[in-house]
Amino acid sequence: MGCCGQGRAALRQATSPTPERPAAGPAERRVLVHYRAGAPVVVRGVASGRLYEFDAARPTLYVAEGDAAALLRSRWFERSD
C-alpha cells in the first residue's frame, strides 16, 4: 500500500496550470475620466473590480464604462473628451 502523499504528487503532475486571465476584449467600452484633485488616490471600480491609480502626474485615465458611472457621481472626477 502506498503513502497517501504519493497520490497528491500524482494529482499535482496531472493537472494543468491555471490559464492567465485574457486581456480586455474589444467589446469593452472605456470612458476617459479626469481626476480633479492633486493628491494620489487608488480607486476600485465598482463594476469591474479593477484598481485605478490617479495622481498629479496621471490625472486622466481610461476607465471601464460601468466604473466610470460611479466615479462621475463624485465631485472629484469628470468626463474628459
C-alpha atoms as a PDB file:
ATOM      1  CA  MET A   1       0.000   0.000   0.000  1.00  0.00           C
ATOM      2  CA  GLY A   2       1.429   3.388  -0.986  1.00  0.00           C
ATOM      3  CA  CYS A   3       1.605   6.508   1.067  1.00  0.00           C
ATOM      4  CA  CYS A   4      -1.238   8.981   0.595  1.00  0.00           C
ATOM      5  CA  GLY A   5       1.306  11.687  -0.253  1.00  0.00           C
ATOM      6  CA  GLN A   6       2.147   9.872  -3.491  1.00  0.00           C
ATOM      7  CA  GLY A   7      -1.444  10.309  -4.680  1.00  0.00           C
ATOM      8  CA  ARG A   8      -1.272  14.054  -4.138  1.00  0.00           C
ATOM      9  CA  ALA A   9       2.003  14.290  -6.046  1.00  0.00           C
ATOM     10  CA  ALA A  10       0.489  12.381  -8.978  1.00  0.00           C
ATOM     11  CA  LEU A  11      -2.566  14.644  -8.952  1.00  0.00           C
ATOM     12  CA  ARG A  12      -0.367  17.764  -8.998  1.00  0.00           C
ATOM     13  CA  GLN A  13       1.509  16.452 -12.027  1.00  0.00           C
ATOM     14  CA  ALA A  14      -1.713  15.518 -13.852  1.00  0.00           C
ATOM     15  CA  THR A  15      -3.456  18.893 -13.513  1.00  0.00           C
ATOM     16  CA  SER A  16      -2.776  21.691 -15.941  1.00  0.00           C
ATOM     17  CA  PRO A  17      -1.757  25.140 -14.730  1.00  0.00           C
ATOM     18  CA  THR A  18      -4.451  27.769 -14.332  1.00  0.00           C
ATOM     19  CA  PRO A  19      -4.700  29.809 -17.545  1.00  0.00           C
ATOM     20  CA  GLU A  20      -3.975  33.509 -17.385  1.00  0.00           C
ATOM     21  CA  ARG A  21      -6.907  35.859 -17.488  1.00  0.00           C
ATOM     22  CA  PRO A  22      -7.425  37.221 -21.000  1.00  0.00           C
ATOM     23  CA  ALA A  23      -6.911  40.901 -21.658  1.00  0.00           C
ATOM     24  CA  ALA A  24      -9.942  43.145 -22.021  1.00  0.00           C
ATOM     25  CA  GLY A  25     -11.729  42.377 -25.248  1.00  0.00           C
ATOM     26  CA  PRO A  26     -12.612  44.903 -27.925  1.00  0.00           C
ATOM     27  CA  ALA A  27     -16.274  44.829 -26.838  1.00  0.00           C
ATOM     28  CA  GLU A  28     -15.483  46.539 -23.529  1.00  0.00           C
ATOM     29  CA  ARG A  29     -16.364  50.219 -23.622  1.00  0.00           C
ATOM     30  CA  ARG A  30     -13.993  52.702 -21.961  1.00  0.00           C
ATOM     31  CA  VAL A  31     -14.524  56.271 -20.817  1.00  0.00           C
ATOM     32  CA  LEU A  32     -11.784  58.875 -20.374  1.00  0.00           C
ATOM     33  CA  VAL A  33     -12.052  60.178 -16.793  1.00  0.00           C
ATOM     34  CA  HIS A  34     -10.139  63.104 -15.255  1.00  0.00           C
ATOM     35  CA  TYR A  35      -9.296  63.277 -11.527  1.00  0.00           C
ATOM     36  CA  ARG A  36      -9.694  66.861 -10.317  1.00  0.00           C
ATOM     37  CA  ALA A  37      -7.642  66.706  -7.095  1.00  0.00           C
ATOM     38  CA  GLY A  38      -3.856  66.544  -6.882  1.00  0.00           C
ATOM     39  CA  ALA A  39      -3.398  64.051  -4.051  1.00  0.00           C
ATOM     40  CA  PRO A  40      -2.742  60.469  -5.194  1.00  0.00           C
ATOM     41  CA  VAL A  41      -5.722  58.120  -4.939  1.00  0.00           C
ATOM     42  CA  VAL A  42      -6.372  54.471  -5.769  1.00  0.00           C
ATOM     43  CA  VAL A  43      -9.985  53.625  -6.605  1.00  0.00           C
ATOM     44  CA  ARG A  44     -11.504  50.171  -7.101  1.00  0.00           C
ATOM     45  CA  GLY A  45     -14.079  50.064  -9.885  1.00  0.00           C
ATOM     46  CA  VAL A  46     -17.493  49.028  -8.579  1.00  0.00           C
ATOM     47  CA  ALA A  47     -18.417  47.148 -11.765  1.00  0.00           C
ATOM     48  CA  SER A  48     -15.099  45.595 -12.838  1.00  0.00           C
ATOM     49  CA  GLY A  49     -13.191  45.414  -9.552  1.00  0.00           C
ATOM     50  CA  ARG A  50     -10.135  46.936 -11.280  1.00  0.00           C
ATOM     51  CA  LEU A  51      -7.831  49.319  -9.456  1.00  0.00           C
ATOM     52  CA  TYR A  52      -7.296  52.771 -10.961  1.00  0.00           C
ATOM     53  CA  GLU A  53      -4.390  54.920  -9.739  1.00  0.00           C
ATOM     54  CA  PHE A  54      -4.805  58.658 -10.239  1.00  0.00           C
ATOM     55  CA  ASP A  55      -2.295  61.349  -9.208  1.00  0.00           C
ATOM     56  CA  ALA A  56      -0.975  64.723 -10.356  1.00  0.00           C
ATOM     57  CA  ALA A  57       1.257  63.078 -12.979  1.00  0.00           C
ATOM     58  CA  ARG A  58      -1.559  60.855 -14.342  1.00  0.00           C
ATOM     59  CA  PRO A  59      -4.861  62.595 -13.630  1.00  0.00           C
ATOM     60  CA  THR A  60      -6.642  61.234 -16.718  1.00  0.00           C
ATOM     61  CA  LEU A  61      -7.237  57.526 -17.368  1.00  0.00           C
ATOM     62  CA  TYR A  62      -9.453  55.305 -19.471  1.00  0.00           C
ATOM     63  CA  VAL A  63     -11.903  53.575 -17.139  1.00  0.00           C
ATOM     64  CA  ALA A  64     -14.401  50.775 -17.823  1.00  0.00           C
ATOM     65  CA  GLU A  65     -17.795  52.283 -18.599  1.00  0.00           C
ATOM     66  CA  GLY A  66     -19.511  50.695 -15.579  1.00  0.00           C
ATOM     67  CA  ASP A  67     -16.808  52.017 -13.250  1.00  0.00           C
ATOM     68  CA  ALA A  68     -16.891  55.488 -14.803  1.00  0.00           C
ATOM     69  CA  ALA A  69     -20.582  55.938 -13.986  1.00  0.00           C
ATOM     70  CA  ALA A  70     -19.854  55.628 -10.263  1.00  0.00           C
ATOM     71  CA  LEU A  71     -16.733  57.823 -10.383  1.00  0.00           C
ATOM     72  CA  LEU A  72     -18.518  60.601 -12.257  1.00  0.00           C
ATOM     73  CA  ARG A  73     -21.115  60.886  -9.475  1.00  0.00           C
ATOM     74  CA  SER A  74     -18.269  62.081  -7.228  1.00  0.00           C
ATOM     75  CA  ARG A  75     -17.152  65.694  -7.230  1.00  0.00           C
ATOM     76  CA  TRP A  76     -13.541  64.531  -7.689  1.00  0.00           C
ATOM     77  CA  PHE A  77     -13.964  63.127 -11.204  1.00  0.00           C
ATOM     78  CA  GLU A  78     -15.202  64.498 -14.519  1.00  0.00           C
ATOM     79  CA  ARG A  79     -15.513  63.140 -18.028  1.00  0.00           C
ATOM     80  CA  SER A  80     -12.637  64.121 -20.296  1.00  0.00           C
ATOM     81  CA  ASP A  81     -13.183  64.028 -24.061  1.00  0.00           C
END
